[in-house]
Protein backbone atom coordinates (compact mmCIF):
# COMPACT_ATOMS: atom_id res chain seq x y z
CA MET A 1 252.32 299.61 143.09
CA ALA A 2 250.85 301.88 145.45
CA THR A 3 248.18 304.30 144.45
CA ILE A 4 249.07 308.19 144.60
CA ASP A 5 245.73 309.79 145.92
CA PRO A 6 243.82 312.05 145.68
CA TRP A 7 244.48 312.95 142.00
CA GLY A 8 243.78 309.31 140.85
CA HIS A 9 247.46 308.62 139.55
CA ASN A 10 249.29 305.55 140.18
CA LEU A 11 253.36 305.06 140.84
CA LEU A 12 253.40 302.70 138.04
CA LYS A 13 252.10 305.09 135.38
CA GLU A 14 254.05 307.93 136.67
CA LEU A 15 257.25 305.81 136.79
CA ILE A 16 256.33 304.57 132.86
CA ILE A 17 256.27 308.31 131.82
CA MET A 18 259.56 308.93 133.51
CA VAL A 19 261.12 306.29 131.60
CA GLU A 20 259.30 306.75 128.08
CA ASP A 21 259.05 310.30 127.38
CA LYS A 22 262.29 310.82 125.21
CA GLU A 23 262.03 314.32 125.19
CA GLU A 24 261.00 315.28 129.05
CA GLY A 25 261.43 312.06 130.75
CA LEU A 26 263.09 312.75 134.14
CA LEU A 27 264.85 309.26 134.38
CA ARG A 28 265.94 309.55 130.91
CA ARG A 29 267.78 312.75 131.53
CA THR A 30 269.43 311.63 134.73
CA PRO A 31 272.94 310.95 133.50
CA ILE A 32 273.51 307.43 135.16
CA ILE A 33 270.03 306.47 135.31
CA GLY A 34 269.57 307.48 131.37
CA GLU A 35 272.63 305.70 130.26
CA MET A 36 271.39 302.33 132.12
CA ILE A 37 268.38 302.61 130.18
CA ILE A 38 269.49 303.17 126.85
CA GLU A 39 272.02 300.28 127.63
CA ALA A 40 269.06 297.88 128.83
CA GLU A 41 267.13 298.92 125.80
CA ARG A 42 269.86 298.34 123.43
CA ARG A 43 270.41 294.78 125.01
CA GLY A 44 266.93 293.74 124.84
CA GLU A 45 266.61 294.69 121.20
CA GLN A 46 269.53 292.59 120.77
CA ARG A 47 267.91 289.69 122.78
CA GLY A 48 264.75 290.00 120.58
CA GLU A 49 266.75 290.00 117.49
CA GLN A 50 268.71 287.15 118.75
CA ARG A 51 265.48 284.99 119.52
CA GLY A 52 263.92 285.93 116.55
CA GLU A 53 266.73 284.43 114.45
CA GLU A 54 267.16 281.46 116.54
CA ARG A 55 263.31 280.77 115.74
CA GLY A 56 263.81 281.28 112.05
CA GLN A 57 266.80 278.87 112.17
CA LYS A 58 264.60 276.39 114.05
CA ALA A 59 261.67 276.80 111.56
CA ILE A 60 263.80 276.36 108.41
CA ALA A 61 265.68 273.50 110.01
CA GLU A 62 262.25 271.84 110.62
CA LEU A 63 260.93 272.69 107.23
CA LEU A 64 264.12 271.20 105.74
CA GLY A 65 263.66 267.76 108.09
CA ARG A 66 260.02 267.50 106.87
CA LEU A 67 261.36 267.84 103.06
CA PHE A 68 264.32 265.57 103.29
CA ALA A 69 262.05 262.80 105.15
CA ARG A 70 259.39 263.37 102.38
CA ARG A 71 261.93 262.51 99.68
CA ILE A 72 263.58 259.71 101.21
CA GLY A 73 260.62 258.28 102.48
CA ARG A 74 261.49 258.18 106.23
CA ARG A 75 262.06 260.21 109.25
CA LEU A 76 265.72 261.58 109.39
CA THR A 77 267.96 260.54 112.33
CA ALA A 78 269.18 263.27 114.73
CA GLU A 79 272.55 262.56 112.76
CA GLU A 80 271.05 263.33 109.46
CA GLU A 81 269.42 266.34 110.85
CA ARG A 82 272.84 268.18 112.30
CA SER A 83 274.17 266.82 109.05
CA ILE A 84 271.84 268.93 106.98
CA ILE A 85 272.16 272.18 109.16
CA GLU A 86 275.95 271.93 109.36
CA ARG A 87 276.38 271.81 105.54
CA ALA A 88 274.03 274.56 105.32
CA ARG A 89 275.95 276.59 107.74
CA VAL A 90 279.45 275.63 106.36
CA ASN A 91 278.64 275.03 102.83
CA GLY A 92 275.67 277.51 102.14
CA PRO A 93 272.24 276.63 101.45
CA ASP A 94 272.79 276.15 97.92
CA GLU A 95 274.50 272.76 98.36
CA VAL A 96 271.44 271.87 100.72
CA GLU A 97 269.01 272.90 97.96
CA VAL A 98 270.85 271.30 95.29
CA ALA A 99 270.98 267.90 97.16
CA LEU A 100 267.17 268.10 98.24
CA LEU A 101 265.98 268.93 94.44
CA GLU A 102 268.22 267.05 92.33
CA LEU A 103 269.54 263.81 94.13
CA GLU A 104 267.48 260.51 93.84
CA ARG A 105 266.61 258.90 96.96
CA GLU A 106 269.48 256.35 97.59
CA ALA A 107 271.90 259.22 96.45
CA LEU A 108 270.20 261.49 99.08
CA VAL A 109 270.56 259.17 101.69
CA ARG A 110 274.22 258.71 100.81
CA TRP A 111 274.81 262.47 100.87
CA LEU A 112 273.17 263.02 104.03
CA ALA A 113 275.78 259.90 105.83
CA GLU A 114 278.82 260.96 103.62
CA PRO A 115 281.57 262.96 105.70
CA MET A 116 280.90 267.20 104.89
CA ARG A 117 283.54 268.59 102.53
CA ASN A 118 284.41 272.17 103.36
CA ALA A 119 283.32 274.57 100.35
């Protein structure tokens, strides 16, 4: 950005102040621009929340995959991974937890392969 001299200010700093200053921000007080800023902030927050949720779900899926793989003694297939995630989504995490903790190896493999029942 261009520097505004001779005072040593720069345009970028001035624009940031105009946007961020909630009390005195010139751009926030301008009707259409202020609404656009508020909407952009809201959308940014939503995207951030969505990305955080997606990362959390991915981390949980990876953890479950590792735990199931450890219990059955091999790496899960892509279909088995999808089965775990879909069962947790549709029937709730309790069903997945019970299967992981209570079923023996062979029963767990069968559980992963059988068609999913709806809760």
